C-alpha atoms as a PDB file:
ATOM      1  CA  MET A   1       0.000   0.000   0.000  1.00  0.00           C
ATOM      2  CA  ASN A   2       1.497   3.322  -1.112  1.00  0.00           C
ATOM      3  CA  VAL A   3       0.570   5.734   1.679  1.00  0.00           C
ATOM      4  CA  THR A   4       1.934   8.723  -0.242  1.00  0.00           C
ATOM      5  CA  LEU A   5      -0.340   8.039  -3.229  1.00  0.00           C
ATOM      6  CA  ILE A   6      -3.363   7.519  -0.979  1.00  0.00           C
ATOM      7  CA  ALA A   7      -2.622  10.837   0.731  1.00  0.00           C
ATOM      8  CA  ALA A   8      -2.249  12.569  -2.651  1.00  0.00           C
ATOM      9  CA  VAL A   9      -5.577  11.138  -3.882  1.00  0.00           C
ATOM     10  CA  ALA A  10      -7.327  12.226  -0.689  1.00  0.00           C
ATOM     11  CA  ALA A  11      -5.792  15.711  -0.946  1.00  0.00           C
ATOM     12  CA  ALA A  12      -6.938  16.156  -4.565  1.00  0.00           C
ATOM     13  CA  VAL A  13     -10.467  15.010  -3.742  1.00  0.00           C
ATOM     14  CA  PHE A  14     -10.603  17.134  -0.573  1.00  0.00           C
ATOM     15  CA  ALA A  15      -9.507  20.240  -2.497  1.00  0.00           C
ATOM     16  CA  GLY A  16     -12.101  19.605  -5.180  1.00  0.00           C
ATOM     17  CA  ALA A  17     -14.888  19.159  -2.633  1.00  0.00           C
ATOM     18  CA  VAL A  18     -13.930  22.295  -0.682  1.00  0.00           C
ATOM     19  CA  LEU A  19     -13.755  24.440  -3.814  1.00  0.00           C
ATOM     20  CA  GLN A  20     -17.045  22.979  -5.082  1.00  0.00           C
ATOM     21  CA  ARG A  21     -18.772  24.066  -1.887  1.00  0.00           C
ATOM     22  CA  LEU A  22     -17.126  27.504  -1.794  1.00  0.00           C
ATOM     23  CA  SER A  23     -17.159  28.540  -5.444  1.00  0.00           C
ATOM     24  CA  GLY A  24     -19.684  26.424  -7.332  1.00  0.00           C
ATOM     25  CA  ILE A  25     -16.959  25.343  -9.777  1.00  0.00           C
ATOM     26  CA  GLY A  26     -17.396  21.660 -10.474  1.00  0.00           C
ATOM     27  CA  PHE A  27     -15.681  19.185  -8.193  1.00  0.00           C
ATOM     28  CA  SER A  28     -14.696  17.191 -11.265  1.00  0.00           C
ATOM     29  CA  LEU A  29     -12.768  20.104 -12.826  1.00  0.00           C
ATOM     30  CA  VAL A  30     -10.260  19.949  -9.992  1.00  0.00           C
ATOM     31  CA  ALA A  31     -10.380  16.227  -9.203  1.00  0.00           C
ATOM     32  CA  ALA A  32     -10.466  14.639 -12.677  1.00  0.00           C
ATOM     33  CA  PRO A  33      -7.105  15.833 -14.060  1.00  0.00           C
ATOM     34  CA  ALA A  34      -5.409  15.377 -10.668  1.00  0.00           C
ATOM     35  CA  LEU A  35      -6.700  11.807 -10.291  1.00  0.00           C
ATOM     36  CA  ALA A  36      -5.770  11.053 -13.903  1.00  0.00           C
ATOM     37  CA  LEU A  37      -2.206  12.095 -13.083  1.00  0.00           C
ATOM     38  CA  LEU A  38      -2.081  10.022  -9.901  1.00  0.00           C
ATOM     39  CA  SER A  39      -3.787   6.800 -10.962  1.00  0.00           C
ATOM     40  CA  GLY A  40      -3.786   6.873 -14.761  1.00  0.00           C
ATOM     41  CA  PRO A  41      -6.468   8.329 -17.027  1.00  0.00           C
ATOM     42  CA  ARG A  42      -8.867   5.377 -17.046  1.00  0.00           C
ATOM     43  CA  SER A  43      -8.932   4.801 -13.302  1.00  0.00           C
ATOM     44  CA  GLY A  44      -8.804   8.546 -12.616  1.00  0.00           C
ATOM     45  CA  VAL A  45     -11.793   9.436 -14.795  1.00  0.00           C
ATOM     46  CA  THR A  46     -13.879   6.497 -13.569  1.00  0.00           C
ATOM     47  CA  LEU A  47     -13.038   7.299  -9.938  1.00  0.00           C
ATOM     48  CA  THR A  48     -14.087  10.905 -10.579  1.00  0.00           C
ATOM     49  CA  ASN A  49     -17.397   9.682 -12.037  1.00  0.00           C
ATOM     50  CA  LEU A  50     -17.992   7.576  -8.933  1.00  0.00           C
ATOM     51  CA  LEU A  51     -17.148  10.357  -6.495  1.00  0.00           C
ATOM     52  CA  ALA A  52     -19.174  12.902  -8.489  1.00  0.00           C
ATOM     53  CA  ILE A  53     -22.277  10.810  -7.766  1.00  0.00           C
ATOM     54  CA  MET A  54     -21.581  11.145  -4.056  1.00  0.00           C
ATOM     55  CA  VAL A  55     -20.950  14.897  -4.256  1.00  0.00           C
ATOM     56  CA  ALA A  56     -24.078  15.469  -6.346  1.00  0.00           C
ATOM     57  CA  LEU A  57     -26.333  13.490  -4.003  1.00  0.00           C
ATOM     58  CA  VAL A  58     -25.029  15.302  -0.916  1.00  0.00           C
ATOM     59  CA  VAL A  59     -25.635  18.711  -2.520  1.00  0.00           C
ATOM     60  CA  PHE A  60     -28.996  17.586  -3.930  1.00  0.00           C
ATOM     61  CA  ALA A  61     -30.169  16.569  -0.454  1.00  0.00           C
ATOM     62  CA  THR A  62     -30.119  20.238   0.562  1.00  0.00           C
ATOM     63  CA  SER A  63     -31.718  21.633  -2.609  1.00  0.00           C
ATOM     64  CA  ALA A  64     -34.179  19.007  -3.906  1.00  0.00           C
ATOM     65  CA  ARG A  65     -37.197  21.287  -3.638  1.00  0.00           C
ATOM     66  CA  ARG A  66     -35.745  23.723  -6.182  1.00  0.00           C
ATOM     67  CA  VAL A  67     -35.523  21.273  -9.100  1.00  0.00           C
ATOM     68  CA  ASP A  68     -36.638  22.761 -12.425  1.00  0.00           C
ATOM     69  CA  ARG A  69     -38.727  19.832 -13.651  1.00  0.00           C
ATOM     70  CA  ALA A  70     -39.281  21.190 -17.151  1.00  0.00           C
ATOM     71  CA  ARG A  71     -35.568  21.509 -17.863  1.00  0.00           C
ATOM     72  CA  ALA A  72     -34.720  18.282 -16.020  1.00  0.00           C
ATOM     73  CA  ARG A  73     -36.982  16.324 -18.384  1.00  0.00           C
ATOM     74  CA  ILE A  74     -34.722  17.409 -21.262  1.00  0.00           C
ATOM     75  CA  LEU A  75     -31.313  17.703 -19.586  1.00  0.00           C
ATOM     76  CA  ILE A  76     -31.214  14.286 -17.946  1.00  0.00           C
ATOM     77  CA  PRO A  77     -32.125  12.134 -20.993  1.00  0.00           C
ATOM     78  CA  ALA A  78     -29.836  14.242 -23.192  1.00  0.00           C
ATOM     79  CA  GLY A  79     -27.016  13.812 -20.691  1.00  0.00           C
ATOM     80  CA  LEU A  80     -27.491  10.043 -20.682  1.00  0.00           C
ATOM     81  CA  LEU A  81     -27.298  10.026 -24.482  1.00  0.00           C
ATOM     82  CA  GLY A  82     -24.092  12.054 -24.328  1.00  0.00           C
ATOM     83  CA  VAL A  83     -22.531   9.480 -22.002  1.00  0.00           C
ATOM     84  CA  LEU A  84     -22.543   6.889 -24.818  1.00  0.00           C
ATOM     85  CA  PRO A  85     -20.141   8.613 -27.283  1.00  0.00           C
ATOM     86  CA  GLY A  86     -18.093   9.900 -24.349  1.00  0.00           C
ATOM     87  CA  THR A  87     -17.610   6.351 -23.074  1.00  0.00           C
ATOM     88  CA  LEU A  88     -16.739   5.186 -26.586  1.00  0.00           C
ATOM     89  CA  LEU A  89     -13.988   7.810 -26.808  1.00  0.00           C
ATOM     90  CA  PHE A  90     -12.824   6.868 -23.307  1.00  0.00           C
ATOM     91  CA  ARG A  91     -12.448   3.218 -24.352  1.00  0.00           C
ATOM     92  CA  LEU A  92     -10.922   3.757 -27.796  1.00  0.00           C
ATOM     93  CA  LEU A  93      -8.125   6.183 -26.924  1.00  0.00           C
ATOM     94  CA  PRO A  94      -4.834   4.720 -25.661  1.00  0.00           C
ATOM     95  CA  PRO A  95      -3.739   5.943 -22.194  1.00  0.00           C
ATOM     96  CA  GLY A  96      -1.423   8.716 -23.406  1.00  0.00           C
ATOM     97  CA  GLN A  97      -3.984  10.176 -25.796  1.00  0.00           C
ATOM     98  CA  LEU A  98      -6.704   9.838 -23.160  1.00  0.00           C
ATOM     99  CA  GLU A  99      -4.598  11.893 -20.739  1.00  0.00           C
ATOM    100  CA  VAL A 100      -4.273  14.584 -23.403  1.00  0.00           C
ATOM    101  CA  ALA A 101      -8.045  14.428 -23.977  1.00  0.00           C
ATOM    102  CA  VAL A 102      -8.802  14.733 -20.241  1.00  0.00           C
ATOM    103  CA  GLY A 103      -6.553  17.781 -19.882  1.00  0.00           C
ATOM    104  CA  THR A 104      -7.805  19.379 -23.106  1.00  0.00           C
ATOM    105  CA  ILE A 105     -11.497  18.903 -22.303  1.00  0.00           C
ATOM    106  CA  THR A 106     -10.909  20.315 -18.812  1.00  0.00           C
ATOM    107  CA  ALA A 107      -9.054  23.320 -20.256  1.00  0.00           C
ATOM    108  CA  PHE A 108     -11.804  24.026 -22.804  1.00  0.00           C
ATOM    109  CA  GLY A 109     -14.348  23.727 -20.017  1.00  0.00           C
ATOM    110  CA  LEU A 110     -12.491  26.285 -17.923  1.00  0.00           C
ATOM    111  CA  ALA A 111     -12.234  28.653 -20.895  1.00  0.00           C
ATOM    112  CA  ALA A 112     -15.946  28.282 -21.572  1.00  0.00           C
ATOM    113  CA  VAL A 113     -16.800  29.061 -17.946  1.00  0.00           C
ATOM    114  CA  LEU A 114     -14.668  32.228 -18.105  1.00  0.00           C
ATOM    115  CA  LEU A 115     -16.341  33.350 -21.358  1.00  0.00           C
ATOM    116  CA  ALA A 116     -19.873  32.392 -20.304  1.00  0.00           C
ATOM    117  CA  PRO A 117     -20.870  35.874 -18.967  1.00  0.00           C
ATOM    118  CA  ARG A 118     -20.507  37.224 -22.523  1.00  0.00           C
ATOM    119  CA  LEU A 119     -22.963  34.683 -23.975  1.00  0.00           C
ATOM    120  CA  ARG A 120     -26.714  35.097 -24.101  1.00  0.00           C
ATOM    121  CA  THR A 121     -29.374  32.738 -25.433  1.00  0.00           C
ATOM    122  CA  ARG A 122     -32.859  31.470 -24.633  1.00  0.00           C
ATOM    123  CA  ALA A 123     -33.621  28.246 -22.843  1.00  0.00           C
ATOM    124  CA  ARG A 124     -35.159  26.508 -25.848  1.00  0.00           C
ATOM    125  CA  PRO A 125     -35.524  22.696 -25.829  1.00  0.00           C
ATOM    126  CA  ALA A 126     -32.787  22.399 -28.465  1.00  0.00           C
ATOM    127  CA  THR A 127     -30.378  24.549 -26.426  1.00  0.00           C
ATOM    128  CA  THR A 128     -31.156  22.614 -23.262  1.00  0.00           C
ATOM    129  CA  GLY A 129     -30.689  19.307 -25.048  1.00  0.00           C
ATOM    130  CA  CYS A 130     -27.332  20.353 -26.507  1.00  0.00           C
ATOM    131  CA  ALA A 131     -26.115  21.394 -23.051  1.00  0.00           C
ATOM    132  CA  GLY A 132     -27.140  18.017 -21.662  1.00  0.00           C
ATOM    133  CA  LEU A 133     -25.435  16.126 -24.494  1.00  0.00           C
ATOM    134  CA  ALA A 134     -22.202  18.097 -24.075  1.00  0.00           C
ATOM    135  CA  SER A 135     -22.269  17.597 -20.316  1.00  0.00           C
ATOM    136  CA  GLY A 136     -22.809  13.834 -20.584  1.00  0.00           C
ATOM    137  CA  PHE A 137     -20.106  13.466 -23.217  1.00  0.00           C
ATOM    138  CA  SER A 138     -17.462  15.355 -21.249  1.00  0.00           C
ATOM    139  CA  ALA A 139     -18.431  13.610 -17.997  1.00  0.00           C
ATOM    140  CA  ALA A 140     -17.924  10.160 -19.525  1.00  0.00           C
ATOM    141  CA  ALA A 141     -14.808  11.029 -21.544  1.00  0.00           C
ATOM    142  CA  ALA A 142     -12.973  13.224 -19.043  1.00  0.00           C
ATOM    143  CA  GLY A 143     -14.918  13.208 -15.772  1.00  0.00           C
ATOM    144  CA  ALA A 144     -15.903  16.873 -16.159  1.00  0.00           C
ATOM    145  CA  GLY A 145     -19.580  17.360 -16.977  1.00  0.00           C
ATOM    146  CA  GLY A 146     -20.041  20.631 -15.111  1.00  0.00           C
ATOM    147  CA  PRO A 147     -18.735  23.297 -17.518  1.00  0.00           C
ATOM    148  CA  ALA A 148     -21.344  22.645 -20.226  1.00  0.00           C
ATOM    149  CA  LEU A 149     -24.219  23.104 -17.778  1.00  0.00           C
ATOM    150  CA  THR A 150     -22.531  26.096 -16.123  1.00  0.00           C
ATOM    151  CA  VAL A 151     -22.165  27.879 -19.469  1.00  0.00           C
ATOM    152  CA  TYR A 152     -25.789  27.053 -20.330  1.00  0.00           C
ATOM    153  CA  ALA A 153     -27.007  28.322 -16.943  1.00  0.00           C
ATOM    154  CA  VAL A 154     -25.139  31.628 -17.274  1.00  0.00           C
ATOM    155  CA  ALA A 155     -26.108  32.152 -20.918  1.00  0.00           C
ATOM    156  CA  THR A 156     -29.807  31.526 -20.224  1.00  0.00           C
ATOM    157  CA  SER A 157     -29.830  33.446 -16.911  1.00  0.00           C
ATOM    158  CA  TRP A 158     -31.001  30.329 -15.094  1.00  0.00           C
ATOM    159  CA  PRO A 159     -31.543  31.202 -11.394  1.00  0.00           C
ATOM    160  CA  GLN A 160     -28.755  29.723  -9.292  1.00  0.00           C
ATOM    161  CA  PRO A 161     -30.928  27.717  -6.817  1.00  0.00           C
ATOM    162  CA  GLU A 162     -32.780  25.931  -9.647  1.00  0.00           C
ATOM    163  CA  PHE A 163     -29.556  25.349 -11.561  1.00  0.00           C
ATOM    164  CA  VAL A 164     -27.794  23.863  -8.535  1.00  0.00           C
ATOM    165  CA  ALA A 165     -30.632  21.461  -7.710  1.00  0.00           C
ATOM    166  CA  THR A 166     -31.303  20.364 -11.293  1.00  0.00           C
ATOM    167  CA  GLY A 167     -27.613  20.132 -12.114  1.00  0.00           C
ATOM    168  CA  GLN A 168     -27.014  17.686  -9.262  1.00  0.00           C
ATOM    169  CA  LEU A 169     -29.622  15.309 -10.669  1.00  0.00           C
ATOM    170  CA  SER A 170     -27.965  15.527 -14.062  1.00  0.00           C
ATOM    171  CA  TYR A 171     -24.453  14.939 -12.674  1.00  0.00           C
ATOM    172  CA  ALA A 172     -25.588  12.004 -10.545  1.00  0.00           C
ATOM    173  CA  THR A 173     -27.362  10.226 -13.407  1.00  0.00           C
ATOM    174  CA  GLN A 174     -24.466  10.832 -15.806  1.00  0.00           C
ATOM    175  CA  GLY A 175     -21.973   9.516 -13.269  1.00  0.00           C
ATOM    176  CA  ALA A 176     -24.111   6.465 -12.547  1.00  0.00           C
ATOM    177  CA  ALA A 177     -24.494   5.696 -16.254  1.00  0.00           C
ATOM    178  CA  ALA A 178     -20.755   6.124 -16.879  1.00  0.00           C
ATOM    179  CA  VAL A 179     -19.813   3.834 -13.984  1.00  0.00           C
ATOM    180  CA  ALA A 180     -22.438   1.266 -15.007  1.00  0.00           C
ATOM    181  CA  ILE A 181     -20.918   1.060 -18.501  1.00  0.00           C
ATOM    182  CA  LYS A 182     -17.248   1.302 -17.517  1.00  0.00           C
ATOM    183  CA  GLY A 183     -17.373  -0.656 -14.286  1.00  0.00           C
ATOM    184  CA  LEU A 184     -15.832   0.357 -10.977  1.00  0.00           C
ATOM    185  CA  PRO A 185     -12.392   2.011 -11.088  1.00  0.00           C
ATOM    186  CA  SER A 186      -9.502  -0.426 -10.816  1.00  0.00           C
ATOM    187  CA  VAL A 187      -7.915   1.140  -7.746  1.00  0.00           C
ATOM    188  CA  PRO A 188      -7.198  -0.346  -4.307  1.00  0.00           C
ATOM    189  CA  GLY A 189     -10.032  -0.343  -1.802  1.00  0.00           C
ATOM    190  CA  ALA A 190      -7.993   1.945   0.448  1.00  0.00           C
ATOM    191  CA  TRP A 191      -8.077   4.570  -2.311  1.00  0.00           C
ATOM    192  CA  LEU A 192     -11.865   4.400  -2.491  1.00  0.00           C
ATOM    193  CA  GLY A 193     -12.223   4.686   1.272  1.00  0.00           C
ATOM    194  CA  ALA A 194      -9.805   7.605   1.503  1.00  0.00           C
ATOM    195  CA  ALA A 195     -11.453   9.393  -1.424  1.00  0.00           C
ATOM    196  CA  ALA A 196     -14.967   8.959   0.000  1.00  0.00           C
ATOM    197  CA  ALA A 197     -13.837  10.271   3.387  1.00  0.00           C
ATOM    198  CA  ALA A 198     -12.119  13.207   1.671  1.00  0.00           C
ATOM    199  CA  VAL A 199     -15.365  14.108  -0.130  1.00  0.00           C
ATOM    200  CA  VAL A 200     -17.299  14.249   3.139  1.00  0.00           C
ATOM    201  CA  CYS A 201     -14.566  16.187   4.950  1.00  0.00           C
ATOM    202  CA  GLY A 202     -14.115  18.569   2.013  1.00  0.00           C
ATOM    203  CA  LEU A 203     -17.806  19.409   1.739  1.00  0.00           C
ATOM    204  CA  LEU A 204     -18.001  19.918   5.510  1.00  0.00           C
ATOM    205  CA  ALA A 205     -14.892  22.125   5.550  1.00  0.00           C
ATOM    206  CA  GLY A 206     -16.239  24.148   2.639  1.00  0.00           C
ATOM    207  CA  HIS A 207     -19.559  24.611   4.430  1.00  0.00           C
ATOM    208  CA  LEU A 208     -17.833  25.831   7.584  1.00  0.00           C
ATOM    209  CA  ALA A 209     -15.581  28.215   5.632  1.00  0.00           C
ATOM    210  CA  ALA A 210     -18.296  29.559   3.317  1.00  0.00           C
ATOM    211  CA  ARG A 211     -19.154  32.516   5.535  1.00  0.00           C
ATOM    212  CA  ARG A 212     -15.546  33.687   5.748  1.00  0.00           C
ATOM    213  CA  VAL A 213     -14.275  33.027   2.231  1.00  0.00           C
ATOM    214  CA  ASP A 214     -15.272  35.151  -0.747  1.00  0.00           C
ATOM    215  CA  GLY A 215     -16.904  32.993  -3.424  1.00  0.00           C
ATOM    216  CA  ALA A 216     -15.353  34.900  -6.326  1.00  0.00           C
ATOM    217  CA  ARG A 217     -11.861  34.499  -4.884  1.00  0.00           C
ATOM    218  CA  ALA A 218     -12.437  30.788  -4.281  1.00  0.00           C
ATOM    219  CA  ARG A 219     -13.611  30.477  -7.896  1.00  0.00           C
ATOM    220  CA  ARG A 220     -10.381  32.025  -9.157  1.00  0.00           C
ATOM    221  CA  VAL A 221      -8.374  29.606  -7.011  1.00  0.00           C
ATOM    222  CA  ALA A 222     -10.405  26.665  -8.347  1.00  0.00           C
ATOM    223  CA  ILE A 223      -9.844  27.737 -11.957  1.00  0.00           C
ATOM    224  CA  ALA A 224      -6.111  28.193 -11.351  1.00  0.00           C
ATOM    225  CA  ILE A 225      -5.715  24.767  -9.717  1.00  0.00           C
ATOM    226  CA  ALA A 226      -7.816  23.036 -12.377  1.00  0.00           C
ATOM    227  CA  GLY A 227      -5.866  24.788 -15.132  1.00  0.00           C
ATOM    228  CA  LEU A 228      -2.496  23.690 -13.726  1.00  0.00           C
ATOM    229  CA  ALA A 229      -3.706  20.114 -13.285  1.00  0.00           C
ATOM    230  CA  ALA A 230      -5.096  20.081 -16.828  1.00  0.00           C
ATOM    231  CA  LEU A 231      -1.798  21.393 -18.233  1.00  0.00           C
ATOM    232  CA  ALA A 232       0.179  18.784 -16.303  1.00  0.00           C
ATOM    233  CA  THR A 233      -2.123  16.032 -17.585  1.00  0.00           C
ATOM    234  CA  VAL A 234      -1.680  17.139 -21.199  1.00  0.00           C
ATOM    235  CA  VAL A 235       2.117  17.315 -20.829  1.00  0.00           C
ATOM    236  CA  LYS A 236       2.255  13.879 -19.198  1.00  0.00           C
ATOM    237  CA  GLY A 237       0.075  12.418 -21.944  1.00  0.00           C
ATOM    238  CA  ILE A 238       2.244  13.914 -24.701  1.00  0.00           C
ATOM    239  CA  LEU A 239       5.466  12.689 -23.075  1.00  0.00           C
ATOM    240  CA  SER A 240       4.076   9.185 -22.634  1.00  0.00           C
END
């Protein structure tokens, strides 16, 4: 048992959970590239999918009454459809190319989140469906389904409480579908236990710190960490 690796996995997951609670930036944006670096792209992405289910259900438990049912009826099926081509890409790419894909998709997601305030569109069924498809695809391929829905929410001026609640349902179903197709991540049981504990501790720490930490500043930190991890993943994939 490599204690150093277990500690590194727990630290990456803890950081992602804290920043998710403080800034609203997706847990997977921080965790997916970091876990891909630590455990390899296939195990890292699948582990992120599994943990994202846990994060989404915990957040959903506090916001279930604010679900936007009309949008959920389009987003969730579209997201499940998007999981299929994303899983196909995940399986077809060799490890080095998959690492590049994980880092690149994460980087594009970060760029899209930064540019989202400049975009404006209406919440038509086609727009909602495209956001769901993109989210499901990126969740299955790279573990990062949040940016597509974040961009859609900002561009359509979707109220934050409804977006948070509905988004958690979408993330949880996408993660469950991805894990059901891929299978459980091939990592030691100690990794799973440490990662699950880190999720709980991270969300709790983020909740306790939320009143004292500025959300905008935490968002900038999350984007910086995710960007560095994405760059490192791309470099590692190219070198391998």
